[in-house]
C-alpha atoms as a PDB file:
ATOM      1  CA  UNK A   1      17.716  -9.608   7.049  1.00  0.00           C
ATOM      2  CA  UNK A   2      17.933  -6.980   4.421  1.00  0.00           C
ATOM      3  CA  UNK A   3      13.915  -6.122   2.920  1.00  0.00           C
ATOM      4  CA  UNK A   4      14.781  -6.012  -0.655  1.00  0.00           C
ATOM      5  CA  UNK A   5      17.776  -7.132  -0.957  1.00  0.00           C
ATOM      6  CA  UNK A   6      17.808 -11.011  -2.499  1.00  0.00           C
ATOM      7  CA  UNK A   7      14.158 -10.681  -3.172  1.00  0.00           C
ATOM      8  CA  UNK A   8      14.920  -7.505  -5.585  1.00  0.00           C
ATOM      9  CA  UNK A   9      16.741  -9.462  -8.318  1.00  0.00           C
ATOM     10  CA  UNK A  10      13.564 -11.850  -8.842  1.00  0.00           C
ATOM     11  CA  UNK A  11      10.734  -9.018  -7.836  1.00  0.00           C
ATOM     12  CA  UNK A  12       9.286  -8.611 -11.096  1.00  0.00           C
ATOM     13  CA  UNK A  13       9.534 -12.584 -11.967  1.00  0.00           C
ATOM     14  CA  UNK A  14       7.899 -13.341  -8.811  1.00  0.00           C
ATOM     15  CA  UNK A  15       4.395 -10.410  -9.460  1.00  0.00           C
ATOM     16  CA  UNK A  16       5.101  -8.285 -12.228  1.00  0.00           C
ATOM     17  CA  UNK A  17       1.971  -7.484 -13.548  1.00  0.00           C
ATOM     18  CA  UNK A  18       1.415  -4.514 -17.004  1.00  0.00           C
ATOM     19  CA  UNK A  19      -2.619  -5.473 -16.379  1.00  0.00           C
ATOM     20  CA  UNK A  20      -2.474  -4.519 -13.098  1.00  0.00           C
ATOM     21  CA  UNK A  21       0.343  -1.083 -13.896  1.00  0.00           C
ATOM     22  CA  UNK A  22      -2.085  -0.231 -16.439  1.00  0.00           C
ATOM     23  CA  UNK A  23      -4.875  -0.196 -14.325  1.00  0.00           C
ATOM     24  CA  UNK A  24      -3.432   1.890 -11.267  1.00  0.00           C
ATOM     25  CA  UNK A  25      -1.646   4.294 -14.153  1.00  0.00           C
ATOM     26  CA  UNK A  26      -5.778   4.721 -15.248  1.00  0.00           C
ATOM     27  CA  UNK A  27      -6.931   5.416 -11.985  1.00  0.00           C
ATOM     28  CA  UNK A  28      -4.157   7.847 -11.075  1.00  0.00           C
ATOM     29  CA  UNK A  29      -5.277  10.021 -14.527  1.00  0.00           C
ATOM     30  CA  UNK A  30      -8.997   9.891 -13.278  1.00  0.00           C
ATOM     31  CA  UNK A  31      -8.223  10.669 -10.320  1.00  0.00           C
ATOM     32  CA  UNK A  32      -5.391  13.929 -10.420  1.00  0.00           C
ATOM     33  CA  UNK A  33      -4.514  16.648 -13.064  1.00  0.00           C
ATOM     34  CA  UNK A  34      -0.445  17.091 -12.381  1.00  0.00           C
ATOM     35  CA  UNK A  35       2.757  17.248 -14.374  1.00  0.00           C
ATOM     36  CA  UNK A  36       5.210  16.437 -11.229  1.00  0.00           C
ATOM     37  CA  UNK A  37       4.780  13.401 -10.048  1.00  0.00           C
ATOM     38  CA  UNK A  38       6.603  12.295  -6.538  1.00  0.00           C
ATOM     39  CA  UNK A  39       6.564   8.769  -6.205  1.00  0.00           C
ATOM     40  CA  UNK A  40       7.998   7.089  -2.836  1.00  0.00           C
ATOM     41  CA  UNK A  41       8.864   3.366  -2.494  1.00  0.00           C
ATOM     42  CA  UNK A  42       8.587   3.340  -6.491  1.00  0.00           C
ATOM     43  CA  UNK A  43       9.790  -0.637  -5.796  1.00  0.00           C
ATOM     44  CA  UNK A  44      11.668  -2.050  -9.548  1.00  0.00           C
ATOM     45  CA  UNK A  45       9.598   1.289 -11.031  1.00  0.00           C
ATOM     46  CA  UNK A  46       7.230  -0.757 -13.620  1.00  0.00           C
ATOM     47  CA  UNK A  47       4.211   1.981 -12.232  1.00  0.00           C
ATOM     48  CA  UNK A  48       7.257   4.958 -12.618  1.00  0.00           C
ATOM     49  CA  UNK A  49       8.260   3.790 -16.046  1.00  0.00           C
ATOM     50  CA  UNK A  50       4.853   3.437 -17.585  1.00  0.00           C
ATOM     51  CA  UNK A  51       4.126   7.853 -16.127  1.00  0.00           C
ATOM     52  CA  UNK A  52       7.354   9.005 -17.476  1.00  0.00           C
ATOM     53  CA  UNK A  53       6.890   7.348 -21.044  1.00  0.00           C
ATOM     54  CA  UNK A  54       3.729   9.033 -20.942  1.00  0.00           C
ATOM     55  CA  UNK A  55       5.791  12.093 -20.821  1.00  0.00           C
ATOM     56  CA  UNK A  56       5.340  12.918 -16.606  1.00  0.00           C
ATOM     57  CA  UNK A  57       8.267  14.764 -15.279  1.00  0.00           C
ATOM     58  CA  UNK A  58       9.156  12.528 -12.433  1.00  0.00           C
ATOM     59  CA  UNK A  59      11.097  12.220  -9.392  1.00  0.00           C
ATOM     60  CA  UNK A  60      10.984   8.560  -8.149  1.00  0.00           C
ATOM     61  CA  UNK A  61      13.118   6.909  -4.785  1.00  0.00           C
ATOM     62  CA  UNK A  62      12.723   3.855  -2.986  1.00  0.00           C
ATOM     63  CA  UNK A  63      14.751   2.578   0.394  1.00  0.00           C
ATOM     64  CA  UNK A  64      16.289  -0.353  -1.234  1.00  0.00           C
ATOM     65  CA  UNK A  65      19.260   0.546  -3.586  1.00  0.00           C
ATOM     66  CA  UNK A  66      18.789  -3.338  -4.882  1.00  0.00           C
ATOM     67  CA  UNK A  67      15.330  -2.341  -5.998  1.00  0.00           C
ATOM     68  CA  UNK A  68      16.728   1.667  -7.308  1.00  0.00           C
ATOM     69  CA  UNK A  69      19.428  -0.469  -8.938  1.00  0.00           C
ATOM     70  CA  UNK A  70      16.998  -2.482 -10.678  1.00  0.00           C
ATOM     71  CA  UNK A  71      15.250   0.109 -12.056  1.00  0.00           C
ATOM     72  CA  UNK A  72      17.448   2.002 -13.204  1.00  0.00           C
ATOM     73  CA  UNK A  73      18.539  -1.268 -15.560  1.00  0.00           C
ATOM     74  CA  UNK A  74      14.589  -0.404 -18.050  1.00  0.00           C
ATOM     75  CA  UNK A  75      13.598   1.102 -20.634  1.00  0.00           C
ATOM     76  CA  UNK A  76      13.833   4.927 -20.779  1.00  0.00           C
ATOM     77  CA  UNK A  77      14.999   4.442 -17.435  1.00  0.00           C
ATOM     78  CA  UNK A  78      16.770   8.058 -18.296  1.00  0.00           C
ATOM     79  CA  UNK A  79      13.219   9.575 -18.303  1.00  0.00           C
ATOM     80  CA  UNK A  80      13.465   9.161 -13.951  1.00  0.00           C
ATOM     81  CA  UNK A  81      15.079  10.905 -10.655  1.00  0.00           C
ATOM     82  CA  UNK A  82      16.016   8.399  -8.987  1.00  0.00           C
ATOM     83  CA  UNK A  83      17.049   7.917  -5.276  1.00  0.00           C
ATOM     84  CA  UNK A  84      17.253   5.858  -2.391  1.00  0.00           C
ATOM     85  CA  UNK A  85      15.711   7.888   0.292  1.00  0.00           C
ATOM     86  CA  UNK A  86      13.077   6.904   3.058  1.00  0.00           C
ATOM     87  CA  UNK A  87       9.523   7.958   2.531  1.00  0.00           C
ATOM     88  CA  UNK A  88       9.163   9.291   5.937  1.00  0.00           C
ATOM     89  CA  UNK A  89      12.407  11.478   4.730  1.00  0.00           C
ATOM     90  CA  UNK A  90      11.932  13.018   1.736  1.00  0.00           C
ATOM     91  CA  UNK A  91      13.973  15.048   0.475  1.00  0.00           C
ATOM     92  CA  UNK A  92      12.384  16.244  -2.800  1.00  0.00           C
ATOM     93  CA  UNK A  93      13.674  18.840  -5.777  1.00  0.00           C
ATOM     94  CA  UNK A  94      10.402  20.330  -6.916  1.00  0.00           C
ATOM     95  CA  UNK A  95       6.875  20.748  -6.008  1.00  0.00           C
ATOM     96  CA  UNK A  96       5.111  18.480  -7.449  1.00  0.00           C
ATOM     97  CA  UNK A  97       0.611  18.596  -8.260  1.00  0.00           C
ATOM     98  CA  UNK A  98       1.248  13.980  -7.316  1.00  0.00           C
ATOM     99  CA  UNK A  99       2.615  11.881  -4.685  1.00  0.00           C
ATOM    100  CA  UNK A 100       2.725   8.611  -4.853  1.00  0.00           C
ATOM    101  CA  UNK A 101       2.886   5.977  -2.375  1.00  0.00           C
ATOM    102  CA  UNK A 102       1.486   2.426  -4.076  1.00  0.00           C
ATOM    103  CA  UNK A 103       1.736  -1.262  -4.214  1.00  0.00           C
ATOM    104  CA  UNK A 104       1.081  -1.603  -0.313  1.00  0.00           C
ATOM    105  CA  UNK A 105       4.479   0.099  -0.010  1.00  0.00           C
ATOM    106  CA  UNK A 106       2.516   1.987   3.584  1.00  0.00           C
ATOM    107  CA  UNK A 107       1.982  -0.992   4.912  1.00  0.00           C
ATOM    108  CA  UNK A 108       5.753  -1.128   5.924  1.00  0.00           C
ATOM    109  CA  UNK A 109       5.180   1.627   7.997  1.00  0.00           C
ATOM    110  CA  UNK A 110       4.927   0.173  11.539  1.00  0.00           C
ATOM    111  CA  UNK A 111       4.169   3.096  13.694  1.00  0.00           C
ATOM    112  CA  UNK A 112       1.056   5.232  13.943  1.00  0.00           C
ATOM    113  CA  UNK A 113       2.982   8.408  14.567  1.00  0.00           C
ATOM    114  CA  UNK A 114       5.531   7.628  11.339  1.00  0.00           C
ATOM    115  CA  UNK A 115       2.015   7.499   8.968  1.00  0.00           C
ATOM    116  CA  UNK A 116       0.739  10.709  10.969  1.00  0.00           C
ATOM    117  CA  UNK A 117       3.868  12.014  10.137  1.00  0.00           C
ATOM    118  CA  UNK A 118       3.670  10.851   6.433  1.00  0.00           C
ATOM    119  CA  UNK A 119       0.539  12.455   5.371  1.00  0.00           C
ATOM    120  CA  UNK A 120       1.577  15.456   7.001  1.00  0.00           C
ATOM    121  CA  UNK A 121       4.662  15.851   5.392  1.00  0.00           C
ATOM    122  CA  UNK A 122       2.608  15.264   2.046  1.00  0.00           C
ATOM    123  CA  UNK A 123       0.423  17.872   2.247  1.00  0.00           C
ATOM    124  CA  UNK A 124       3.129  20.129   3.110  1.00  0.00           C
ATOM    125  CA  UNK A 125       4.768  19.201  -0.040  1.00  0.00           C
ATOM    126  CA  UNK A 126       2.311  18.516  -2.387  1.00  0.00           C
ATOM    127  CA  UNK A 127       1.136  22.227  -4.516  1.00  0.00           C
ATOM    128  CA  UNK A 128      -1.429  24.228  -3.372  1.00  0.00           C
ATOM    129  CA  UNK A 129      -4.441  21.939  -5.341  1.00  0.00           C
ATOM    130  CA  UNK A 130      -1.972  19.068  -5.076  1.00  0.00           C
ATOM    131  CA  UNK A 131      -2.830  14.996  -4.361  1.00  0.00           C
ATOM    132  CA  UNK A 132      -1.393  12.171  -2.757  1.00  0.00           C
ATOM    133  CA  UNK A 133      -2.924   9.144  -4.076  1.00  0.00           C
ATOM    134  CA  UNK A 134      -1.374   5.629  -2.041  1.00  0.00           C
ATOM    135  CA  UNK A 135      -3.054   2.268  -1.239  1.00  0.00           C
ATOM    136  CA  UNK A 136      -3.008  -0.671   1.320  1.00  0.00           C
ATOM    137  CA  UNK A 137      -4.319  -3.766   2.086  1.00  0.00           C
ATOM    138  CA  UNK A 138      -7.619  -4.303   3.010  1.00  0.00           C
ATOM    139  CA  UNK A 139      -8.960  -5.706   6.223  1.00  0.00           C
ATOM    140  CA  UNK A 140     -10.191  -9.253   4.355  1.00  0.00           C
ATOM    141  CA  UNK A 141      -5.927  -9.584   3.950  1.00  0.00           C
ATOM    142  CA  UNK A 142      -5.796 -10.696   7.832  1.00  0.00           C
ATOM    143  CA  UNK A 143      -8.785 -13.171   7.488  1.00  0.00           C
ATOM    144  CA  UNK A 144      -7.256 -14.230   3.996  1.00  0.00           C
ATOM    145  CA  UNK A 145      -3.919 -15.510   5.048  1.00  0.00           C
ATOM    146  CA  UNK A 146      -4.834 -16.507   8.760  1.00  0.00           C
ATOM    147  CA  UNK A 147      -3.754 -20.176   6.937  1.00  0.00           C
ATOM    148  CA  UNK A 148      -0.488 -19.853   5.626  1.00  0.00           C
ATOM    149  CA  UNK A 149       0.323 -19.455   1.912  1.00  0.00           C
ATOM    150  CA  UNK A 150       2.515 -21.190   1.148  1.00  0.00           C
ATOM    151  CA  UNK A 151       4.835 -21.091  -2.872  1.00  0.00           C
ATOM    152  CA  UNK A 152       7.529 -23.006  -3.948  1.00  0.00           C
ATOM    153  CA  UNK A 153       8.797 -23.140  -7.487  1.00  0.00           C
ATOM    154  CA  UNK A 154      12.001 -22.135  -9.378  1.00  0.00           C
ATOM    155  CA  UNK A 155      12.487 -17.775 -10.575  1.00  0.00           C
ATOM    156  CA  UNK A 156      14.928 -17.399 -13.063  1.00  0.00           C
ATOM    157  CA  UNK A 157      16.831 -20.128 -11.692  1.00  0.00           C
ATOM    158  CA  UNK A 158      16.437 -19.536  -8.683  1.00  0.00           C
ATOM    159  CA  UNK A 159      14.824 -22.246  -6.591  1.00  0.00           C
ATOM    160  CA  UNK A 160      12.171 -20.384  -3.723  1.00  0.00           C
ATOM    161  CA  UNK A 161       9.986 -20.151  -1.388  1.00  0.00           C
ATOM    162  CA  UNK A 162       7.671 -17.827  -0.460  1.00  0.00           C
ATOM    163  CA  UNK A 163       5.006 -17.748   2.598  1.00  0.00           C
ATOM    164  CA  UNK A 164       2.641 -15.601   3.599  1.00  0.00           C
ATOM    165  CA  UNK A 165       0.821 -15.379   7.322  1.00  0.00           C
ATOM    166  CA  UNK A 166      -1.021 -12.733   9.522  1.00  0.00           C
ATOM    167  CA  UNK A 167      -1.566 -12.411  13.053  1.00  0.00           C
ATOM    168  CA  UNK A 168      -3.227  -9.812  14.813  1.00  0.00           C
ATOM    169  CA  UNK A 169      -2.835  -6.608  12.493  1.00  0.00           C
ATOM    170  CA  UNK A 170       0.592  -7.756  11.027  1.00  0.00           C
ATOM    171  CA  UNK A 171       1.256  -9.669   7.774  1.00  0.00           C
ATOM    172  CA  UNK A 172       4.644 -11.561   7.428  1.00  0.00           C
ATOM    173  CA  UNK A 173       6.159 -12.349   4.551  1.00  0.00           C
ATOM    174  CA  UNK A 174       8.951 -14.800   4.787  1.00  0.00           C
ATOM    175  CA  UNK A 175      11.031 -15.805   1.251  1.00  0.00           C
ATOM    176  CA  UNK A 176      14.287 -18.017   1.452  1.00  0.00           C
ATOM    177  CA  UNK A 177      16.086 -18.183  -2.145  1.00  0.00           C
ATOM    178  CA  UNK A 178      18.487 -21.068  -2.990  1.00  0.00           C
ATOM    179  CA  UNK A 179      21.411 -20.373  -4.791  1.00  0.00           C
ATOM    180  CA  UNK A 180      23.506 -22.920  -6.665  1.00  0.00           C
ATOM    181  CA  UNK A 181      25.316 -24.776  -4.177  1.00  0.00           C
ATOM    182  CA  UNK A 182      21.806 -24.810  -2.030  1.00  0.00           C
ATOM    183  CA  UNK A 183      22.765 -22.276   0.172  1.00  0.00           C
ATOM    184  CA  UNK A 184      19.882 -20.513   1.161  1.00  0.00           C
ATOM    185  CA  UNK A 185      19.504 -16.605   1.996  1.00  0.00           C
ATOM    186  CA  UNK A 186      16.105 -15.306   4.131  1.00  0.00           C
ATOM    187  CA  UNK A 187      14.297 -12.613   3.366  1.00  0.00           C
ATOM    188  CA  UNK A 188      11.096 -11.227   6.198  1.00  0.00           C
ATOM    189  CA  UNK A 189       9.202  -8.898   5.046  1.00  0.00           C
ATOM    190  CA  UNK A 190       6.363  -7.229   8.072  1.00  0.00           C
ATOM    191  CA  UNK A 191       3.535  -5.519   7.007  1.00  0.00           C
ATOM    192  CA  UNK A 192       1.175  -3.902   9.517  1.00  0.00           C
ATOM    193  CA  UNK A 193      -2.849  -4.115   8.175  1.00  0.00           C
ATOM    194  CA  UNK A 194      -4.775  -0.563   9.472  1.00  0.00           C
ATOM    195  CA  UNK A 195      -7.800   0.671  10.045  1.00  0.00           C
ATOM    196  CA  UNK A 196      -8.924   2.286   7.165  1.00  0.00           C
ATOM    197  CA  UNK A 197     -11.200   4.492   9.052  1.00  0.00           C
ATOM    198  CA  UNK A 198      -8.462   5.847  10.861  1.00  0.00           C
ATOM    199  CA  UNK A 199      -6.216   6.488   7.311  1.00  0.00           C
ATOM    200  CA  UNK A 200      -9.447   8.627   6.589  1.00  0.00           C
ATOM    201  CA  UNK A 201      -9.622  10.533  10.256  1.00  0.00           C
ATOM    202  CA  UNK A 202      -5.635  11.871   9.862  1.00  0.00           C
ATOM    203  CA  UNK A 203      -6.026  12.670   6.685  1.00  0.00           C
ATOM    204  CA  UNK A 204      -8.699  14.858   6.897  1.00  0.00           C
ATOM    205  CA  UNK A 205      -6.915  16.708  10.073  1.00  0.00           C
ATOM    206  CA  UNK A 206      -4.192  16.976   8.117  1.00  0.00           C
ATOM    207  CA  UNK A 207      -6.429  18.817   5.806  1.00  0.00           C
ATOM    208  CA  UNK A 208      -7.338  16.512   2.878  1.00  0.00           C
ATOM    209  CA  UNK A 209     -10.484  15.985   1.628  1.00  0.00           C
ATOM    210  CA  UNK A 210     -10.296  11.934   1.298  1.00  0.00           C
ATOM    211  CA  UNK A 211     -11.933   9.048  -1.890  1.00  0.00           C
ATOM    212  CA  UNK A 212     -11.567   6.036  -0.679  1.00  0.00           C
ATOM    213  CA  UNK A 213     -11.785   3.244  -3.727  1.00  0.00           C
ATOM    214  CA  UNK A 214     -11.283  -0.340  -3.256  1.00  0.00           C
ATOM    215  CA  UNK A 215     -10.344  -2.893  -5.827  1.00  0.00           C
ATOM    216  CA  UNK A 216      -9.715   0.269  -8.259  1.00  0.00           C
ATOM    217  CA  UNK A 217     -13.132   0.706  -8.844  1.00  0.00           C
ATOM    218  CA  UNK A 218     -15.605  -0.116  -6.218  1.00  0.00           C
ATOM    219  CA  UNK A 219     -16.708   3.013  -4.570  1.00  0.00           C
ATOM    220  CA  UNK A 220     -16.159   3.525  -0.772  1.00  0.00           C
ATOM    221  CA  UNK A 221     -14.735   0.694   1.855  1.00  0.00           C
ATOM    222  CA  UNK A 222     -16.016  -2.739   0.150  1.00  0.00           C
ATOM    223  CA  UNK A 223     -14.765  -6.256   0.249  1.00  0.00           C
ATOM    224  CA  UNK A 224     -11.643  -6.933  -1.872  1.00  0.00           C
ATOM    225  CA  UNK A 225      -7.934  -6.741  -1.690  1.00  0.00           C
ATOM    226  CA  UNK A 226      -7.122  -3.310  -1.491  1.00  0.00           C
ATOM    227  CA  UNK A 227      -7.781   0.398  -0.589  1.00  0.00           C
ATOM    228  CA  UNK A 228      -7.127   3.237  -2.852  1.00  0.00           C
ATOM    229  CA  UNK A 229      -6.776   6.764  -0.901  1.00  0.00           C
ATOM    230  CA  UNK A 230      -7.217   9.016  -3.085  1.00  0.00           C
ATOM    231  CA  UNK A 231      -5.728  13.045  -0.859  1.00  0.00           C
ATOM    232  CA  UNK A 232      -7.294  15.949  -2.437  1.00  0.00           C
ATOM    233  CA  UNK A 233      -5.201  19.355  -1.031  1.00  0.00           C
ATOM    234  CA  UNK A 234      -6.844  22.477  -1.386  1.00  0.00           C
ATOM    235  CA  UNK A 235     -10.719  20.831  -2.296  1.00  0.00           C
ATOM    236  CA  UNK A 236     -12.695  22.135   0.510  1.00  0.00           C
ATOM    237  CA  UNK A 237     -14.550  25.054   0.134  1.00  0.00           C
END
């Protein structure tokens, strides 16, 4: 099943949150000095466009062509250089001061080796004093979804079902969308939740200085939903 295919047309209706978008922008701006941004796994482009409207130069990519097409339809989309790319094999046009991988996109990478490659790639692509910011699911999310979460409703005139359940270190999200003829269109998303200290150690091996924030505002690894990693290149004395 192709991830972010059936879901793409309904993604914003399902999860768009203007307050959360502003929280991401605030965290980014207080964490880094930058003009040029490379954003990986940009999705439907809400955070991308919020930054572009502030005047930053942005190259934004996503593995899903459907999600990129959704982003391109939004106001001010011409302010962004969009492309369809895999986060672990990026081709960029200019050296950025900031790289982003947001909205738990990194959790879609399921192998340790690919995570290590992504961190090494970011270190190599960034400018000398550059910053890489990403967020991931907290360990608490595994406990939260041991019991299945189930939501049913109607989005944009389309009936849907959305379930989430964890198993070991994986989170499974299953979507079903029903067309006008009541045909079901299935989509499954699998994410892996990583040990936050392992991620920190691997980033440090690459040469980054690492700061972690939980749920936008709490320093360090604490109880919450998301860990934000702010990786600084060239920060060590």
